[in-house]
Amino acid sequence: MKKVLAKTKDIVFFIKLYPLPMHPTAYEKAKSIVCEKSLKALENAFEGKPLPKATCKSEEVDNNINLAKEFGITGTPAIILPDGSVIVSLVPADSLIQLVTGNWGK
């Protein structure tokens, strides 16, 4: 994501936290990140740093889990492209830019 944003400002990312059941602490971490409303909290989670306990009431994480089910997403990372297609894997920055801008293979 950071590599894409370093190359273009024409792409916007909407991050939906989707805690996978195989990660027993992921759900509570996701709720904490939602409550903190902070990209830094997300980065801290990826770095393995401790997060504060969730302090808000939010259905956002549960809604994201339902959205993933609706799209058939069972893993992460997952990318939903503007045309509605779903990619469940890492995508190199240049390839993602081409996919989003419609310049794939050009």
N, C-alpha and C. Protein backbone atom coordinates (compact mmCIF):
# COMPACT_ATOMS: atom_id res chain seq x y z
N MET A 1 0.83 -1.18 0.00
CA MET A 1 0.00 0.00 0.00
C MET A 1 0.88 1.25 0.00
N LYS A 2 1.88 1.28 0.87
CA LYS A 2 2.74 2.46 0.93
C LYS A 2 3.51 2.65 -0.37
N LYS A 3 3.92 1.54 -0.99
CA LYS A 3 4.64 1.64 -2.26
C LYS A 3 3.73 2.19 -3.36
N VAL A 4 2.48 1.77 -3.37
CA VAL A 4 1.53 2.29 -4.35
C VAL A 4 1.33 3.78 -4.14
N LEU A 5 1.12 4.20 -2.91
CA LEU A 5 0.87 5.61 -2.62
C LEU A 5 2.09 6.48 -2.89
N ALA A 6 3.29 5.88 -2.80
CA ALA A 6 4.49 6.63 -3.12
C ALA A 6 4.60 6.89 -4.62
N LYS A 7 3.95 6.03 -5.42
CA LYS A 7 4.04 6.16 -6.87
C LYS A 7 2.88 6.93 -7.48
N THR A 8 1.73 6.93 -6.82
CA THR A 8 0.56 7.62 -7.36
C THR A 8 -0.34 8.08 -6.23
N LYS A 9 -0.96 9.19 -6.43
CA LYS A 9 -1.93 9.72 -5.45
C LYS A 9 -3.35 9.51 -5.96
N ASP A 10 -3.49 8.78 -7.07
CA ASP A 10 -4.80 8.58 -7.70
C ASP A 10 -5.52 7.34 -7.22
N ILE A 11 -4.95 6.63 -6.25
CA ILE A 11 -5.56 5.41 -5.74
C ILE A 11 -5.83 5.59 -4.25
N VAL A 12 -7.01 5.18 -3.84
CA VAL A 12 -7.41 5.28 -2.44
C VAL A 12 -7.61 3.86 -1.90
N PHE A 13 -7.12 3.62 -0.70
CA PHE A 13 -7.31 2.33 -0.05
C PHE A 13 -8.32 2.48 1.08
N PHE A 14 -9.26 1.57 1.14
CA PHE A 14 -10.18 1.47 2.25
C PHE A 14 -9.81 0.18 2.97
N ILE A 15 -9.29 0.31 4.17
CA ILE A 15 -8.83 -0.86 4.91
C ILE A 15 -9.98 -1.41 5.73
N LYS A 16 -10.28 -2.67 5.52
CA LYS A 16 -11.31 -3.38 6.28
C LYS A 16 -10.60 -4.47 7.08
N LEU A 17 -10.64 -4.37 8.37
CA LEU A 17 -9.98 -5.37 9.21
C LEU A 17 -10.78 -6.65 9.21
N TYR A 18 -10.12 -7.73 8.82
CA TYR A 18 -10.77 -9.03 8.71
C TYR A 18 -9.94 -10.04 9.51
N PRO A 19 -10.28 -10.22 10.78
CA PRO A 19 -9.52 -11.15 11.62
C PRO A 19 -9.85 -12.60 11.27
N LEU A 20 -8.86 -13.34 10.88
CA LEU A 20 -9.07 -14.74 10.53
C LEU A 20 -9.19 -15.59 11.79
N PRO A 21 -10.07 -16.58 11.79
CA PRO A 21 -10.28 -17.42 12.97
C PRO A 21 -9.02 -18.17 13.42
N MET A 22 -8.08 -18.41 12.50
CA MET A 22 -6.87 -19.14 12.86
C MET A 22 -5.93 -18.33 13.74
N HIS A 23 -6.19 -17.03 13.86
CA HIS A 23 -5.38 -16.16 14.72
C HIS A 23 -6.23 -15.79 15.94
N PRO A 24 -6.02 -16.47 17.06
CA PRO A 24 -6.93 -16.32 18.20
C PRO A 24 -7.03 -14.92 18.80
N THR A 25 -6.02 -14.08 18.64
CA THR A 25 -6.09 -12.73 19.22
C THR A 25 -6.45 -11.66 18.19
N ALA A 26 -6.64 -12.07 16.94
CA ALA A 26 -6.85 -11.10 15.86
C ALA A 26 -8.15 -10.30 16.03
N TYR A 27 -9.21 -10.95 16.48
CA TYR A 27 -10.49 -10.25 16.61
C TYR A 27 -10.38 -9.09 17.60
N GLU A 28 -9.81 -9.35 18.77
CA GLU A 28 -9.68 -8.28 19.77
C GLU A 28 -8.71 -7.19 19.31
N LYS A 29 -7.66 -7.59 18.60
CA LYS A 29 -6.74 -6.59 18.05
C LYS A 29 -7.45 -5.71 17.03
N ALA A 30 -8.25 -6.33 16.18
CA ALA A 30 -8.99 -5.57 15.18
C ALA A 30 -9.93 -4.57 15.85
N LYS A 31 -10.62 -5.02 16.90
CA LYS A 31 -11.53 -4.11 17.61
C LYS A 31 -10.76 -2.96 18.24
N SER A 32 -9.58 -3.24 18.78
CA SER A 32 -8.76 -2.19 19.37
C SER A 32 -8.36 -1.16 18.32
N ILE A 33 -7.96 -1.63 17.15
CA ILE A 33 -7.56 -0.72 16.07
C ILE A 33 -8.74 0.15 15.64
N VAL A 34 -9.92 -0.45 15.54
CA VAL A 34 -11.12 0.31 15.19
C VAL A 34 -11.40 1.38 16.24
N CYS A 35 -11.29 1.02 17.49
CA CYS A 35 -11.56 1.98 18.57
C CYS A 35 -10.54 3.11 18.58
N GLU A 36 -9.29 2.79 18.30
CA GLU A 36 -8.22 3.80 18.29
C GLU A 36 -8.33 4.73 17.08
N LYS A 37 -8.96 4.24 16.00
CA LYS A 37 -9.09 5.02 14.76
C LYS A 37 -7.74 5.58 14.33
N SER A 38 -6.75 4.67 14.30
CA SER A 38 -5.39 5.12 14.10
C SER A 38 -4.63 4.16 13.19
N LEU A 39 -4.02 4.70 12.15
CA LEU A 39 -3.15 3.91 11.30
C LEU A 39 -1.95 3.42 12.10
N LYS A 40 -1.51 4.22 13.06
CA LYS A 40 -0.38 3.82 13.91
C LYS A 40 -0.73 2.55 14.70
N ALA A 41 -1.95 2.44 15.18
CA ALA A 41 -2.37 1.22 15.90
C ALA A 41 -2.29 0.01 14.97
N LEU A 42 -2.69 0.18 13.71
CA LEU A 42 -2.60 -0.90 12.74
C LEU A 42 -1.14 -1.29 12.52
N GLU A 43 -0.29 -0.30 12.34
CA GLU A 43 1.14 -0.57 12.15
C GLU A 43 1.73 -1.26 13.38
N ASN A 44 1.33 -0.82 14.57
CA ASN A 44 1.81 -1.46 15.80
C ASN A 44 1.41 -2.93 15.85
N ALA A 45 0.20 -3.22 15.43
CA ALA A 45 -0.27 -4.61 15.42
C ALA A 45 0.58 -5.45 14.48
N PHE A 46 0.87 -4.93 13.29
CA PHE A 46 1.70 -5.67 12.33
C PHE A 46 3.13 -5.85 12.85
N GLU A 47 3.58 -4.94 13.69
CA GLU A 47 4.93 -5.03 14.25
C GLU A 47 4.96 -5.89 15.52
N GLY A 48 3.79 -6.42 15.92
CA GLY A 48 3.73 -7.27 17.10
C GLY A 48 3.75 -6.51 18.42
N LYS A 49 3.54 -5.21 18.36
CA LYS A 49 3.52 -4.40 19.58
C LYS A 49 2.17 -4.57 20.27
N PRO A 50 2.15 -4.43 21.58
CA PRO A 50 0.88 -4.58 22.30
C PRO A 50 -0.09 -3.44 21.96
N LEU A 51 -1.36 -3.78 21.96
CA LEU A 51 -2.41 -2.79 21.69
C LEU A 51 -3.26 -2.64 22.95
N PRO A 52 -3.83 -1.46 23.13
CA PRO A 52 -4.73 -1.30 24.27
C PRO A 52 -6.00 -2.12 24.06
N LYS A 53 -6.65 -2.45 25.14
CA LYS A 53 -7.92 -3.16 25.04
C LYS A 53 -8.95 -2.26 24.36
N ALA A 54 -9.81 -2.85 23.55
CA ALA A 54 -10.85 -2.09 22.86
C ALA A 54 -11.72 -1.37 23.87
N THR A 55 -11.93 -0.08 23.65
CA THR A 55 -12.69 0.73 24.61
C THR A 55 -14.00 1.26 24.06
N CYS A 56 -14.35 0.85 22.86
CA CYS A 56 -15.58 1.36 22.27
C CYS A 56 -16.48 0.19 21.90
N LYS A 57 -17.72 0.51 21.66
CA LYS A 57 -18.66 -0.48 21.15
C LYS A 57 -18.78 -0.23 19.65
N SER A 58 -18.46 -1.25 18.89
CA SER A 58 -18.49 -1.11 17.44
C SER A 58 -18.83 -2.45 16.81
N GLU A 59 -19.61 -2.40 15.77
CA GLU A 59 -19.95 -3.59 15.00
C GLU A 59 -19.12 -3.68 13.72
N GLU A 60 -18.17 -2.76 13.57
CA GLU A 60 -17.42 -2.66 12.32
C GLU A 60 -16.68 -3.96 11.99
N VAL A 61 -16.01 -4.56 12.96
CA VAL A 61 -15.26 -5.79 12.68
C VAL A 61 -16.23 -6.92 12.29
N ASP A 62 -17.34 -7.03 12.99
CA ASP A 62 -18.34 -8.04 12.64
C ASP A 62 -18.91 -7.79 11.24
N ASN A 63 -19.13 -6.53 10.91
CA ASN A 63 -19.62 -6.18 9.57
C ASN A 63 -18.59 -6.56 8.51
N ASN A 64 -17.30 -6.37 8.82
CA ASN A 64 -16.25 -6.74 7.88
C ASN A 64 -16.20 -8.25 7.66
N ILE A 65 -16.40 -9.01 8.73
CA ILE A 65 -16.43 -10.47 8.62
C ILE A 65 -17.59 -10.88 7.70
N ASN A 66 -18.74 -10.26 7.87
CA ASN A 66 -19.89 -10.56 7.02
C ASN A 66 -19.65 -10.14 5.57
N LEU A 67 -18.98 -9.00 5.37
CA LEU A 67 -18.65 -8.55 4.02
C LEU A 67 -17.72 -9.55 3.34
N ALA A 68 -16.73 -10.04 4.08
CA ALA A 68 -15.81 -11.03 3.52
C ALA A 68 -16.56 -12.29 3.10
N LYS A 69 -17.50 -12.72 3.93
CA LYS A 69 -18.31 -13.89 3.56
C LYS A 69 -19.10 -13.63 2.29
N GLU A 70 -19.66 -12.43 2.19
CA GLU A 70 -20.45 -12.06 1.01
C GLU A 70 -19.63 -12.11 -0.26
N PHE A 71 -18.35 -11.71 -0.17
CA PHE A 71 -17.47 -11.71 -1.33
C PHE A 71 -16.72 -13.03 -1.51
N GLY A 72 -16.93 -13.96 -0.58
CA GLY A 72 -16.25 -15.25 -0.66
C GLY A 72 -14.79 -15.19 -0.28
N ILE A 73 -14.42 -14.18 0.50
CA ILE A 73 -13.03 -14.01 0.92
C ILE A 73 -12.76 -14.89 2.14
N THR A 74 -11.74 -15.71 2.04
CA THR A 74 -11.40 -16.61 3.14
C THR A 74 -9.97 -16.40 3.65
N GLY A 75 -9.25 -15.47 3.05
CA GLY A 75 -7.86 -15.22 3.46
C GLY A 75 -7.50 -13.77 3.30
N THR A 76 -6.31 -13.46 3.76
CA THR A 76 -5.79 -12.09 3.66
C THR A 76 -4.36 -12.16 3.15
N PRO A 77 -3.89 -11.11 2.51
CA PRO A 77 -4.62 -9.90 2.17
C PRO A 77 -5.60 -10.16 1.03
N ALA A 78 -6.63 -9.39 1.00
CA ALA A 78 -7.62 -9.47 -0.07
C ALA A 78 -7.85 -8.06 -0.62
N ILE A 79 -7.94 -7.99 -1.91
CA ILE A 79 -8.14 -6.70 -2.58
C ILE A 79 -9.39 -6.79 -3.43
N ILE A 80 -10.30 -5.86 -3.22
CA ILE A 80 -11.49 -5.76 -4.06
C ILE A 80 -11.25 -4.60 -5.01
N LEU A 81 -11.17 -4.92 -6.28
CA LEU A 81 -10.88 -3.92 -7.31
C LEU A 81 -12.13 -3.13 -7.68
N PRO A 82 -11.95 -1.98 -8.32
CA PRO A 82 -13.10 -1.15 -8.69
C PRO A 82 -14.16 -1.88 -9.50
N ASP A 83 -13.78 -2.89 -10.27
CA ASP A 83 -14.76 -3.62 -11.06
C ASP A 83 -15.45 -4.73 -10.27
N GLY A 84 -15.11 -4.85 -8.96
CA GLY A 84 -15.73 -5.84 -8.10
C GLY A 84 -15.00 -7.16 -8.03
N SER A 85 -13.99 -7.35 -8.86
CA SER A 85 -13.23 -8.60 -8.79
C SER A 85 -12.38 -8.61 -7.52
N VAL A 86 -12.09 -9.82 -7.05
CA VAL A 86 -11.39 -9.99 -5.79
C VAL A 86 -10.08 -10.74 -6.03
N ILE A 87 -9.02 -10.23 -5.44
CA ILE A 87 -7.72 -10.90 -5.46
C ILE A 87 -7.35 -11.20 -4.01
N VAL A 88 -7.10 -12.47 -3.71
CA VAL A 88 -6.72 -12.84 -2.35
C VAL A 88 -5.25 -13.27 -2.38
N SER A 89 -4.38 -12.28 -2.38
CA SER A 89 -2.94 -12.50 -2.32
C SER A 89 -2.25 -11.14 -2.35
N LEU A 90 -0.96 -11.17 -2.09
CA LEU A 90 -0.18 -9.95 -2.24
C LEU A 90 -0.05 -9.63 -3.73
N VAL A 91 -0.08 -8.36 -4.04
CA VAL A 91 0.09 -7.92 -5.43
C VAL A 91 1.19 -6.87 -5.42
N PRO A 92 2.21 -7.04 -6.26
CA PRO A 92 3.26 -6.01 -6.33
C PRO A 92 2.66 -4.64 -6.67
N ALA A 93 3.27 -3.59 -6.16
CA ALA A 93 2.74 -2.24 -6.30
C ALA A 93 2.47 -1.87 -7.76
N ASP A 94 3.44 -2.10 -8.65
CA ASP A 94 3.25 -1.71 -10.05
C ASP A 94 2.09 -2.48 -10.68
N SER A 95 1.97 -3.76 -10.34
CA SER A 95 0.87 -4.56 -10.89
C SER A 95 -0.47 -4.06 -10.37
N LEU A 96 -0.54 -3.70 -9.10
CA LEU A 96 -1.79 -3.20 -8.53
C LEU A 96 -2.19 -1.88 -9.19
N ILE A 97 -1.22 -1.01 -9.41
CA ILE A 97 -1.51 0.26 -10.08
C ILE A 97 -2.08 -0.02 -11.47
N GLN A 98 -1.49 -0.96 -12.20
CA GLN A 98 -1.99 -1.28 -13.53
C GLN A 98 -3.40 -1.87 -13.46
N LEU A 99 -3.66 -2.75 -12.49
CA LEU A 99 -4.99 -3.34 -12.35
C LEU A 99 -6.05 -2.27 -12.07
N VAL A 100 -5.74 -1.35 -11.17
CA VAL A 100 -6.72 -0.35 -10.76
C VAL A 100 -6.94 0.68 -11.86
N THR A 101 -5.89 1.03 -12.56
CA THR A 101 -6.03 2.08 -13.59
C THR A 101 -6.47 1.53 -14.93
N GLY A 102 -6.59 0.21 -15.04
CA GLY A 102 -7.03 -0.39 -16.29
C GLY A 102 -5.93 -0.50 -17.33
N ASN A 103 -4.69 -0.40 -16.89
CA ASN A 103 -3.57 -0.46 -17.83
C ASN A 103 -2.83 -1.79 -17.76
N TRP A 104 -3.52 -2.85 -17.32
CA TRP A 104 -2.88 -4.15 -17.21
C TRP A 104 -2.43 -4.63 -18.58
N GLY A 105 -1.16 -5.02 -18.67
CA GLY A 105 -0.62 -5.54 -19.91
C GLY A 105 -0.25 -4.49 -20.93
N LYS A 106 -0.33 -3.23 -20.55
CA LYS A 106 0.00 -2.14 -21.50
C LYS A 106 1.39 -1.61 -21.23
